[in-house]
Amino acid sequence: MAGDLDTRFPDAQSSLGLALWRASTSWQRHIRAALAPHDLTHVQYVLLASLTWMDRTVPVSQRDLAAHTELDVMMTSQVLRALETKGYIRREPHPEDGRANALHPTERGIELANLATRDVESADASYFAALTPTQRDSLLAAFQHLASPPSVAPDQRTPHDPSSSEDQR
């Protein structure tokens, strides 16, 4: 029955979470449209672009890539298989970890990552153009703050907390 929701908000527009949800889905539509000509999903793009960026410094394992993108390891594995099937990435034995493979973008993958990145960055610029530069800076700072892991104050650590200095012997 309408109107029976037990909420602290007087109306939907007052909910920060709902506003974030709506902005996020609106932004995702813009990104999907930018990626459609490249036949990439948003997750495929994030993994391919991240791998292309990371590959210039050190060998990248699937676990490294999942951690960098903050995606589930199993989802990362499935999406990487699709990118490999399309010829955008390749795997070879990891030089430092015999249990892992090192991932590398292929030349086609690098080309696609760069083309798609230009379109994604254009879509971002277009989407966020409704904000002033100050609003964009504030929004970026707020997102970075929300996405960073919470720190644990020293007096809140438990004896079994791995960040406790006694456990770091």
N, C-alpha and C. Protein backbone atom coordinates (compact mmCIF):
# COMPACT_ATOMS: atom_id res chain seq x y z
N MET A 1 0.85 -1.18 0.00
CA MET A 1 0.00 0.00 0.00
C MET A 1 0.90 1.24 0.00
N ALA A 2 0.60 2.17 -0.86
CA ALA A 2 1.40 3.40 -0.97
C ALA A 2 1.33 4.20 0.32
N GLY A 3 2.44 4.82 0.65
CA GLY A 3 2.48 5.68 1.82
C GLY A 3 2.75 4.95 3.13
N ASP A 4 2.94 3.65 3.10
CA ASP A 4 3.17 2.89 4.32
C ASP A 4 4.64 2.55 4.57
N LEU A 5 5.54 3.10 3.78
CA LEU A 5 6.96 2.81 3.97
C LEU A 5 7.47 3.54 5.21
N ASP A 6 8.09 2.81 6.10
CA ASP A 6 8.65 3.38 7.32
C ASP A 6 10.04 3.92 6.99
N THR A 7 10.14 5.20 6.70
CA THR A 7 11.40 5.83 6.30
C THR A 7 11.60 7.13 7.06
N ARG A 8 12.84 7.52 7.19
CA ARG A 8 13.14 8.78 7.87
C ARG A 8 12.98 9.98 6.93
N PHE A 9 12.79 9.72 5.63
CA PHE A 9 12.73 10.82 4.66
C PHE A 9 11.29 11.24 4.37
N PRO A 10 11.06 12.56 4.25
CA PRO A 10 9.70 13.03 3.96
C PRO A 10 9.28 12.72 2.52
N ASP A 11 10.28 12.61 1.61
CA ASP A 11 9.99 12.29 0.22
C ASP A 11 11.23 11.66 -0.41
N ALA A 12 11.07 11.09 -1.58
CA ALA A 12 12.17 10.38 -2.24
C ALA A 12 13.35 11.31 -2.55
N GLN A 13 13.06 12.56 -2.88
CA GLN A 13 14.12 13.51 -3.22
C GLN A 13 15.04 13.82 -2.05
N SER A 14 14.63 13.50 -0.85
CA SER A 14 15.45 13.78 0.34
C SER A 14 16.46 12.68 0.64
N SER A 15 16.37 11.56 -0.06
CA SER A 15 17.26 10.42 0.20
C SER A 15 18.56 10.55 -0.58
N LEU A 16 19.66 10.68 0.13
CA LEU A 16 20.97 10.77 -0.52
C LEU A 16 21.28 9.49 -1.29
N GLY A 17 20.96 8.34 -0.71
CA GLY A 17 21.20 7.07 -1.39
C GLY A 17 20.43 6.95 -2.69
N LEU A 18 19.16 7.35 -2.68
CA LEU A 18 18.35 7.29 -3.90
C LEU A 18 18.88 8.27 -4.93
N ALA A 19 19.30 9.44 -4.50
CA ALA A 19 19.87 10.42 -5.44
C ALA A 19 21.14 9.86 -6.08
N LEU A 20 21.99 9.21 -5.28
CA LEU A 20 23.19 8.58 -5.83
C LEU A 20 22.83 7.48 -6.81
N TRP A 21 21.84 6.67 -6.46
CA TRP A 21 21.38 5.60 -7.35
C TRP A 21 20.92 6.17 -8.69
N ARG A 22 20.10 7.21 -8.64
CA ARG A 22 19.58 7.80 -9.87
C ARG A 22 20.69 8.44 -10.71
N ALA A 23 21.60 9.15 -10.06
CA ALA A 23 22.72 9.76 -10.80
C ALA A 23 23.60 8.67 -11.39
N SER A 24 23.84 7.62 -10.64
CA SER A 24 24.68 6.52 -11.12
C SER A 24 24.07 5.83 -12.33
N THR A 25 22.77 5.54 -12.27
CA THR A 25 22.15 4.87 -13.42
C THR A 25 22.09 5.79 -14.63
N SER A 26 21.89 7.07 -14.40
CA SER A 26 21.90 8.04 -15.49
C SER A 26 23.28 8.10 -16.14
N TRP A 27 24.32 8.18 -15.32
CA TRP A 27 25.70 8.21 -15.83
C TRP A 27 26.03 6.92 -16.57
N GLN A 28 25.61 5.77 -16.01
CA GLN A 28 25.89 4.49 -16.66
C GLN A 28 25.26 4.40 -18.04
N ARG A 29 24.08 4.99 -18.23
CA ARG A 29 23.46 5.01 -19.56
C ARG A 29 24.36 5.75 -20.55
N HIS A 30 24.94 6.87 -20.12
CA HIS A 30 25.85 7.63 -20.99
C HIS A 30 27.09 6.80 -21.34
N ILE A 31 27.63 6.10 -20.36
CA ILE A 31 28.82 5.29 -20.60
C ILE A 31 28.49 4.12 -21.52
N ARG A 32 27.35 3.45 -21.30
CA ARG A 32 26.95 2.35 -22.19
C ARG A 32 26.82 2.83 -23.62
N ALA A 33 26.24 4.00 -23.81
CA ALA A 33 26.09 4.55 -25.16
C ALA A 33 27.46 4.83 -25.79
N ALA A 34 28.40 5.33 -24.99
CA ALA A 34 29.75 5.60 -25.51
C ALA A 34 30.48 4.32 -25.87
N LEU A 35 30.21 3.24 -25.15
CA LEU A 35 30.92 1.98 -25.38
C LEU A 35 30.25 1.09 -26.43
N ALA A 36 28.99 1.35 -26.74
CA ALA A 36 28.26 0.52 -27.70
C ALA A 36 28.97 0.37 -29.05
N PRO A 37 29.49 1.45 -29.64
CA PRO A 37 30.17 1.29 -30.93
C PRO A 37 31.43 0.41 -30.85
N HIS A 38 31.94 0.22 -29.66
CA HIS A 38 33.16 -0.59 -29.48
C HIS A 38 32.83 -2.03 -29.09
N ASP A 39 31.54 -2.35 -28.97
CA ASP A 39 31.09 -3.68 -28.58
C ASP A 39 31.72 -4.13 -27.27
N LEU A 40 31.75 -3.21 -26.31
CA LEU A 40 32.29 -3.49 -24.97
C LEU A 40 31.23 -3.18 -23.93
N THR A 41 31.14 -4.04 -22.91
CA THR A 41 30.34 -3.69 -21.75
C THR A 41 31.18 -2.76 -20.88
N HIS A 42 30.53 -2.13 -19.91
CA HIS A 42 31.26 -1.23 -19.03
C HIS A 42 32.34 -1.99 -18.25
N VAL A 43 32.00 -3.18 -17.75
CA VAL A 43 32.97 -3.97 -16.99
C VAL A 43 34.13 -4.40 -17.89
N GLN A 44 33.83 -4.82 -19.13
CA GLN A 44 34.91 -5.18 -20.06
C GLN A 44 35.83 -3.99 -20.29
N TYR A 45 35.25 -2.83 -20.48
CA TYR A 45 36.06 -1.63 -20.69
C TYR A 45 36.94 -1.34 -19.47
N VAL A 46 36.35 -1.37 -18.28
CA VAL A 46 37.12 -1.07 -17.06
C VAL A 46 38.30 -2.01 -16.93
N LEU A 47 38.08 -3.30 -17.17
CA LEU A 47 39.18 -4.27 -17.04
C LEU A 47 40.22 -4.08 -18.14
N LEU A 48 39.79 -3.87 -19.38
CA LEU A 48 40.74 -3.69 -20.48
C LEU A 48 41.54 -2.40 -20.31
N ALA A 49 40.87 -1.31 -19.99
CA ALA A 49 41.57 -0.04 -19.81
C ALA A 49 42.52 -0.10 -18.62
N SER A 50 42.07 -0.70 -17.53
CA SER A 50 42.93 -0.82 -16.34
C SER A 50 44.14 -1.68 -16.63
N LEU A 51 43.94 -2.80 -17.32
CA LEU A 51 45.06 -3.67 -17.68
C LEU A 51 46.03 -2.94 -18.59
N THR A 52 45.52 -2.20 -19.55
CA THR A 52 46.38 -1.45 -20.47
C THR A 52 47.21 -0.43 -19.71
N TRP A 53 46.61 0.22 -18.73
CA TRP A 53 47.33 1.20 -17.92
C TRP A 53 48.34 0.51 -17.00
N MET A 54 47.93 -0.56 -16.32
CA MET A 54 48.80 -1.25 -15.35
C MET A 54 49.95 -1.99 -16.01
N ASP A 55 49.76 -2.50 -17.20
CA ASP A 55 50.74 -3.36 -17.87
C ASP A 55 52.04 -2.65 -18.17
N ARG A 56 52.06 -1.33 -18.13
CA ARG A 56 53.28 -0.62 -18.48
C ARG A 56 54.32 -0.65 -17.37
N THR A 57 53.96 -1.13 -16.19
CA THR A 57 54.92 -1.08 -15.08
C THR A 57 55.36 -2.45 -14.58
N VAL A 58 54.44 -3.35 -14.28
CA VAL A 58 54.78 -4.65 -13.71
C VAL A 58 53.85 -5.73 -14.28
N PRO A 59 54.25 -7.00 -14.19
CA PRO A 59 53.34 -8.07 -14.62
C PRO A 59 52.06 -8.02 -13.77
N VAL A 60 50.92 -8.19 -14.42
CA VAL A 60 49.63 -8.05 -13.75
C VAL A 60 48.93 -9.41 -13.73
N SER A 61 48.57 -9.86 -12.54
CA SER A 61 47.80 -11.10 -12.40
C SER A 61 46.31 -10.76 -12.38
N GLN A 62 45.51 -11.79 -12.53
CA GLN A 62 44.06 -11.60 -12.46
C GLN A 62 43.67 -11.02 -11.10
N ARG A 63 44.29 -11.51 -10.05
CA ARG A 63 44.00 -11.02 -8.70
C ARG A 63 44.39 -9.54 -8.57
N ASP A 64 45.55 -9.16 -9.15
CA ASP A 64 45.98 -7.75 -9.13
C ASP A 64 44.95 -6.86 -9.81
N LEU A 65 44.48 -7.32 -10.98
CA LEU A 65 43.52 -6.54 -11.75
C LEU A 65 42.19 -6.43 -11.00
N ALA A 66 41.74 -7.52 -10.41
CA ALA A 66 40.49 -7.49 -9.63
C ALA A 66 40.62 -6.53 -8.45
N ALA A 67 41.77 -6.55 -7.79
CA ALA A 67 41.98 -5.65 -6.64
C ALA A 67 42.01 -4.20 -7.09
N HIS A 68 42.69 -3.93 -8.21
CA HIS A 68 42.80 -2.55 -8.71
C HIS A 68 41.42 -1.99 -9.07
N THR A 69 40.60 -2.81 -9.72
CA THR A 69 39.29 -2.35 -10.17
C THR A 69 38.20 -2.52 -9.11
N GLU A 70 38.55 -3.19 -8.00
CA GLU A 70 37.61 -3.49 -6.93
C GLU A 70 36.41 -4.30 -7.43
N LEU A 71 36.70 -5.23 -8.36
CA LEU A 71 35.68 -6.13 -8.87
C LEU A 71 35.88 -7.51 -8.26
N ASP A 72 34.82 -8.28 -8.19
CA ASP A 72 34.87 -9.65 -7.69
C ASP A 72 35.83 -10.48 -8.55
N VAL A 73 36.63 -11.33 -7.92
CA VAL A 73 37.62 -12.14 -8.64
C VAL A 73 36.95 -13.07 -9.65
N MET A 74 35.82 -13.68 -9.28
CA MET A 74 35.13 -14.59 -10.21
C MET A 74 34.57 -13.83 -11.41
N MET A 75 33.97 -12.67 -11.17
CA MET A 75 33.47 -11.87 -12.28
C MET A 75 34.62 -11.45 -13.18
N THR A 76 35.72 -11.04 -12.57
CA THR A 76 36.90 -10.64 -13.33
C THR A 76 37.35 -11.78 -14.22
N SER A 77 37.39 -12.99 -13.69
CA SER A 77 37.80 -14.16 -14.46
C SER A 77 36.90 -14.38 -15.67
N GLN A 78 35.60 -14.29 -15.47
CA GLN A 78 34.65 -14.51 -16.56
C GLN A 78 34.78 -13.43 -17.64
N VAL A 79 34.92 -12.20 -17.22
CA VAL A 79 35.03 -11.10 -18.18
C VAL A 79 36.36 -11.18 -18.93
N LEU A 80 37.43 -11.55 -18.24
CA LEU A 80 38.73 -11.70 -18.91
C LEU A 80 38.69 -12.80 -19.95
N ARG A 81 37.95 -13.89 -19.68
CA ARG A 81 37.81 -14.94 -20.69
C ARG A 81 37.15 -14.39 -21.95
N ALA A 82 36.13 -13.57 -21.77
CA ALA A 82 35.45 -12.96 -22.93
C ALA A 82 36.41 -12.05 -23.69
N LEU A 83 37.20 -11.25 -22.97
CA LEU A 83 38.17 -10.36 -23.63
C LEU A 83 39.25 -11.17 -24.35
N GLU A 84 39.64 -12.29 -23.77
CA GLU A 84 40.64 -13.15 -24.40
C GLU A 84 40.07 -13.78 -25.67
N THR A 85 38.83 -14.23 -25.61
CA THR A 85 38.16 -14.82 -26.78
C THR A 85 38.07 -13.80 -27.91
N LYS A 86 37.85 -12.55 -27.57
CA LYS A 86 37.76 -11.49 -28.58
C LYS A 86 39.14 -11.07 -29.10
N GLY A 87 40.20 -11.57 -28.48
CA GLY A 87 41.55 -11.24 -28.93
C GLY A 87 42.10 -9.94 -28.36
N TYR A 88 41.55 -9.47 -27.24
CA TYR A 88 41.99 -8.19 -26.67
C TYR A 88 43.03 -8.34 -25.56
N ILE A 89 43.10 -9.54 -24.98
CA ILE A 89 44.14 -9.78 -23.97
C ILE A 89 44.77 -11.14 -24.24
N ARG A 90 45.95 -11.34 -23.66
CA ARG A 90 46.62 -12.65 -23.71
C ARG A 90 47.18 -12.95 -22.33
N ARG A 91 47.37 -14.24 -22.09
CA ARG A 91 47.93 -14.70 -20.81
C ARG A 91 49.24 -15.41 -21.08
N GLU A 92 50.17 -15.26 -20.16
CA GLU A 92 51.42 -16.01 -20.21
C GLU A 92 51.84 -16.29 -18.78
N PRO A 93 52.74 -17.24 -18.56
CA PRO A 93 53.15 -17.54 -17.18
C PRO A 93 53.69 -16.28 -16.49
N HIS A 94 53.26 -16.11 -15.26
CA HIS A 94 53.71 -14.95 -14.47
C HIS A 94 55.18 -15.16 -14.10
N PRO A 95 56.04 -14.17 -14.34
CA PRO A 95 57.47 -14.36 -14.08
C PRO A 95 57.84 -14.50 -12.60
N GLU A 96 56.97 -14.05 -11.71
CA GLU A 96 57.29 -14.08 -10.28
C GLU A 96 56.40 -15.03 -9.47
N ASP A 97 55.30 -15.49 -10.05
CA ASP A 97 54.36 -16.35 -9.33
C ASP A 97 53.96 -17.50 -10.24
N GLY A 98 54.53 -18.67 -10.00
CA GLY A 98 54.27 -19.83 -10.84
C GLY A 98 52.83 -20.30 -10.83
N ARG A 99 52.04 -19.86 -9.86
CA ARG A 99 50.63 -20.27 -9.79
C ARG A 99 49.73 -19.35 -10.61
N ALA A 100 50.25 -18.24 -11.06
CA ALA A 100 49.41 -17.23 -11.73
C ALA A 100 49.85 -17.02 -13.17
N ASN A 101 48.98 -16.41 -13.92
CA ASN A 101 49.31 -15.94 -15.26
C ASN A 101 49.48 -14.44 -15.22
N ALA A 102 50.35 -13.95 -16.07
CA ALA A 102 50.46 -12.50 -16.27
C ALA A 102 49.53 -12.16 -17.43
N LEU A 103 48.76 -11.12 -17.25
CA LEU A 103 47.82 -10.66 -18.28
C LEU A 103 48.45 -9.51 -19.05
N HIS A 104 48.23 -9.50 -20.35
CA HIS A 104 48.73 -8.41 -21.19
C HIS A 104 47.67 -8.06 -22.23
N PRO A 105 47.48 -6.78 -22.51
CA PRO A 105 46.59 -6.43 -23.62
C PRO A 105 47.32 -6.74 -24.92
N THR A 106 46.58 -7.19 -25.93
CA THR A 106 47.17 -7.38 -27.25
C THR A 106 47.23 -6.02 -27.94
N GLU A 107 47.86 -5.96 -29.09
CA GLU A 107 47.88 -4.69 -29.83
C GLU A 107 46.45 -4.23 -30.13
N ARG A 108 45.58 -5.17 -30.54
CA ARG A 108 44.17 -4.84 -30.77
C ARG A 108 43.52 -4.33 -29.49
N GLY A 109 43.85 -4.95 -28.37
CA GLY A 109 43.30 -4.54 -27.09
C GLY A 109 43.74 -3.14 -26.70
N ILE A 110 45.01 -2.83 -26.92
CA ILE A 110 45.53 -1.49 -26.61
C ILE A 110 44.85 -0.45 -27.48
N GLU A 111 44.71 -0.76 -28.76
CA GLU A 111 44.05 0.17 -29.68
C GLU A 111 42.60 0.41 -29.25
N LEU A 112 41.89 -0.67 -28.93
CA LEU A 112 40.50 -0.54 -28.50
C LEU A 112 40.39 0.21 -27.18
N ALA A 113 41.26 -0.09 -26.23
CA ALA A 113 41.23 0.59 -24.94
C ALA A 113 41.40 2.10 -25.12
N ASN A 114 42.30 2.49 -26.01
CA ASN A 114 42.53 3.92 -26.24
C ASN A 114 41.36 4.59 -26.96
N LEU A 115 40.80 3.92 -27.97
CA LEU A 115 39.63 4.47 -28.66
C LEU A 115 38.45 4.61 -27.69
N ALA A 116 38.20 3.56 -26.93
CA ALA A 116 37.07 3.58 -25.99
C ALA A 116 37.29 4.61 -24.88
N THR A 117 38.53 4.76 -24.43
CA THR A 117 38.82 5.74 -23.38
C THR A 117 38.51 7.15 -23.86
N ARG A 118 38.86 7.46 -25.09
CA ARG A 118 38.53 8.79 -25.61
C ARG A 118 37.01 9.02 -25.58
N ASP A 119 36.26 8.00 -25.98
CA ASP A 119 34.80 8.15 -26.00
C ASP A 119 34.22 8.19 -24.59
N VAL A 120 34.76 7.40 -23.67
CA VAL A 120 34.28 7.42 -22.28
C VAL A 120 34.60 8.77 -21.64
N GLU A 121 35.80 9.28 -21.87
CA GLU A 121 36.15 10.58 -21.29
C GLU A 121 35.31 11.70 -21.89
N SER A 122 34.97 11.60 -23.17
CA SER A 122 34.06 12.58 -23.78
C SER A 122 32.66 12.49 -23.17
N ALA A 123 32.20 11.26 -22.95
CA ALA A 123 30.89 11.06 -22.32
C ALA A 123 30.90 11.61 -20.90
N ASP A 124 31.98 11.38 -20.17
CA ASP A 124 32.11 11.94 -18.81
C ASP A 124 32.05 13.46 -18.86
N ALA A 125 32.82 14.06 -19.76
CA ALA A 125 32.86 15.52 -19.86
C ALA A 125 31.47 16.07 -20.17
N SER A 126 30.77 15.42 -21.09
CA SER A 126 29.43 15.85 -21.46
C SER A 126 28.47 15.70 -20.28
N TYR A 127 28.53 14.57 -19.60
CA TYR A 127 27.62 14.31 -18.49
C TYR A 127 27.84 15.29 -17.34
N PHE A 128 29.09 15.52 -16.98
CA PHE A 128 29.40 16.37 -15.83
C PHE A 128 29.48 17.85 -16.19
N ALA A 129 29.25 18.20 -17.46
CA ALA A 129 29.27 19.61 -17.87
C ALA A 129 28.17 20.42 -17.19
N ALA A 130 27.14 19.76 -16.70
CA ALA A 130 26.05 20.46 -16.00
C ALA A 130 26.52 21.04 -14.66
N LEU A 131 27.68 20.58 -14.19
CA LEU A 131 28.23 21.08 -12.92
C LEU A 131 29.29 22.14 -13.18
N THR A 132 29.43 23.04 -12.25
CA THR A 132 30.52 24.02 -12.34
C THR A 132 31.83 23.31 -12.00
N PRO A 133 32.98 23.89 -12.38
CA PRO A 133 34.25 23.27 -12.00
C PRO A 133 34.37 23.04 -10.48
N THR A 134 33.88 23.98 -9.69
CA THR A 134 33.93 23.82 -8.23
C THR A 134 33.05 22.65 -7.78
N GLN A 135 31.87 22.52 -8.37
CA GLN A 135 30.99 21.40 -8.03
C GLN A 135 31.62 20.07 -8.43
N ARG A 136 32.26 20.03 -9.61
CA ARG A 136 32.93 18.79 -10.04
C ARG A 136 34.05 18.42 -9.07
N ASP A 137 34.85 19.41 -8.67
CA ASP A 137 35.94 19.15 -7.72
C ASP A 137 35.39 18.64 -6.38
N SER A 138 34.31 19.25 -5.92
CA SER A 138 33.70 18.82 -4.65
C SER A 138 33.12 17.41 -4.76
N LEU A 139 32.47 17.12 -5.88
CA LEU A 139 31.90 15.79 -6.09
C LEU A 139 33.01 14.74 -6.15
N LEU A 140 34.08 15.04 -6.86
CA LEU A 140 35.21 14.11 -6.93
C LEU A 140 35.80 13.87 -5.54
N ALA A 141 35.98 14.92 -4.78
CA ALA A 141 36.53 14.78 -3.42
C ALA A 141 35.59 13.95 -2.55
N ALA A 142 34.29 14.17 -2.67
CA ALA A 142 33.32 13.40 -1.88
C ALA A 142 33.35 11.93 -2.28
N PHE A 143 33.38 11.64 -3.58
CA PHE A 143 33.45 10.24 -4.03
C PHE A 143 34.74 9.58 -3.56
N GLN A 144 35.85 10.28 -3.65
CA GLN A 144 37.12 9.71 -3.21
C GLN A 144 37.08 9.43 -1.71
N HIS A 145 36.48 10.31 -0.95
CA HIS A 145 36.36 10.11 0.49
C HIS A 145 35.49 8.88 0.79
N LEU A 146 34.36 8.78 0.11
CA LEU A 146 33.45 7.66 0.35
C LEU A 146 34.05 6.33 -0.09
N ALA A 147 34.87 6.35 -1.13
CA ALA A 147 35.44 5.11 -1.67
C ALA A 147 36.68 4.65 -0.91
N SER A 148 37.28 5.52 -0.11
CA SER A 148 38.48 5.12 0.62
C SER A 148 38.09 4.29 1.83
N PRO A 149 38.92 3.30 2.16
CA PRO A 149 38.57 2.46 3.31
C PRO A 149 38.61 3.25 4.60
N PRO A 150 37.69 2.97 5.50
CA PRO A 150 37.69 3.70 6.77
C PRO A 150 38.93 3.32 7.58
N SER A 151 39.50 4.29 8.23
CA SER A 151 40.65 3.99 9.08
C SER A 151 40.15 3.60 10.46
N VAL A 152 40.92 2.79 11.11
CA VAL A 152 40.57 2.34 12.45
C VAL A 152 41.44 3.09 13.44
N ALA A 153 40.81 3.79 14.36
CA ALA A 153 41.56 4.52 15.38
C ALA A 153 42.29 3.52 16.27
N PRO A 154 43.52 3.84 16.71
CA PRO A 154 44.29 2.90 17.53
C PRO A 154 43.54 2.41 18.76
N ASP A 155 42.73 3.25 19.39
CA ASP A 155 42.01 2.83 20.60
C ASP A 155 40.81 1.93 20.29
N GLN A 156 40.48 1.77 19.00
CA GLN A 156 39.36 0.92 18.62
C GLN A 156 39.81 -0.46 18.14
N ARG A 157 41.12 -0.70 18.09
CA ARG A 157 41.63 -1.98 17.62
C ARG A 157 41.41 -3.05 18.69
N THR A 158 41.12 -4.24 18.23
CA THR A 158 40.97 -5.37 19.14
C THR A 158 42.28 -6.14 19.17
N PRO A 159 42.49 -7.01 20.17
CA PRO A 159 43.73 -7.79 20.22
C PRO A 159 43.93 -8.66 18.98
N HIS A 160 42.86 -9.01 18.28
CA HIS A 160 42.98 -9.87 17.10
C HIS A 160 42.98 -9.07 15.81
N ASP A 161 42.95 -7.76 15.89
CA ASP A 161 42.93 -6.89 14.72
C ASP A 161 44.30 -6.96 14.04
N PRO A 162 44.36 -7.37 12.74
CA PRO A 162 45.65 -7.47 12.06
C PRO A 162 46.38 -6.14 11.95
N SER A 163 45.67 -5.03 12.09
CA SER A 163 46.36 -3.74 12.01
C SER A 163 46.95 -3.33 13.35
N SER A 164 46.71 -4.14 14.38
CA SER A 164 47.27 -3.86 15.70
C SER A 164 48.77 -4.09 15.68
N SER A 165 49.53 -3.20 16.31
CA SER A 165 50.99 -3.29 16.26
C SER A 165 51.51 -4.56 16.92
N GLU A 166 50.79 -5.11 17.90
CA GLU A 166 51.26 -6.32 18.56
C GLU A 166 51.23 -7.53 17.62
N ASP A 167 50.33 -7.50 16.64
CA ASP A 167 50.22 -8.62 15.71
C ASP A 167 51.17 -8.49 14.53
N GLN A 168 51.95 -7.43 14.48
CA GLN A 168 52.82 -7.20 13.32
C GLN A 168 54.27 -7.52 13.65
N ARG A 169 54.51 -8.51 14.49
CA ARG A 169 55.89 -8.87 14.86
C ARG A 169 56.54 -9.70 13.80
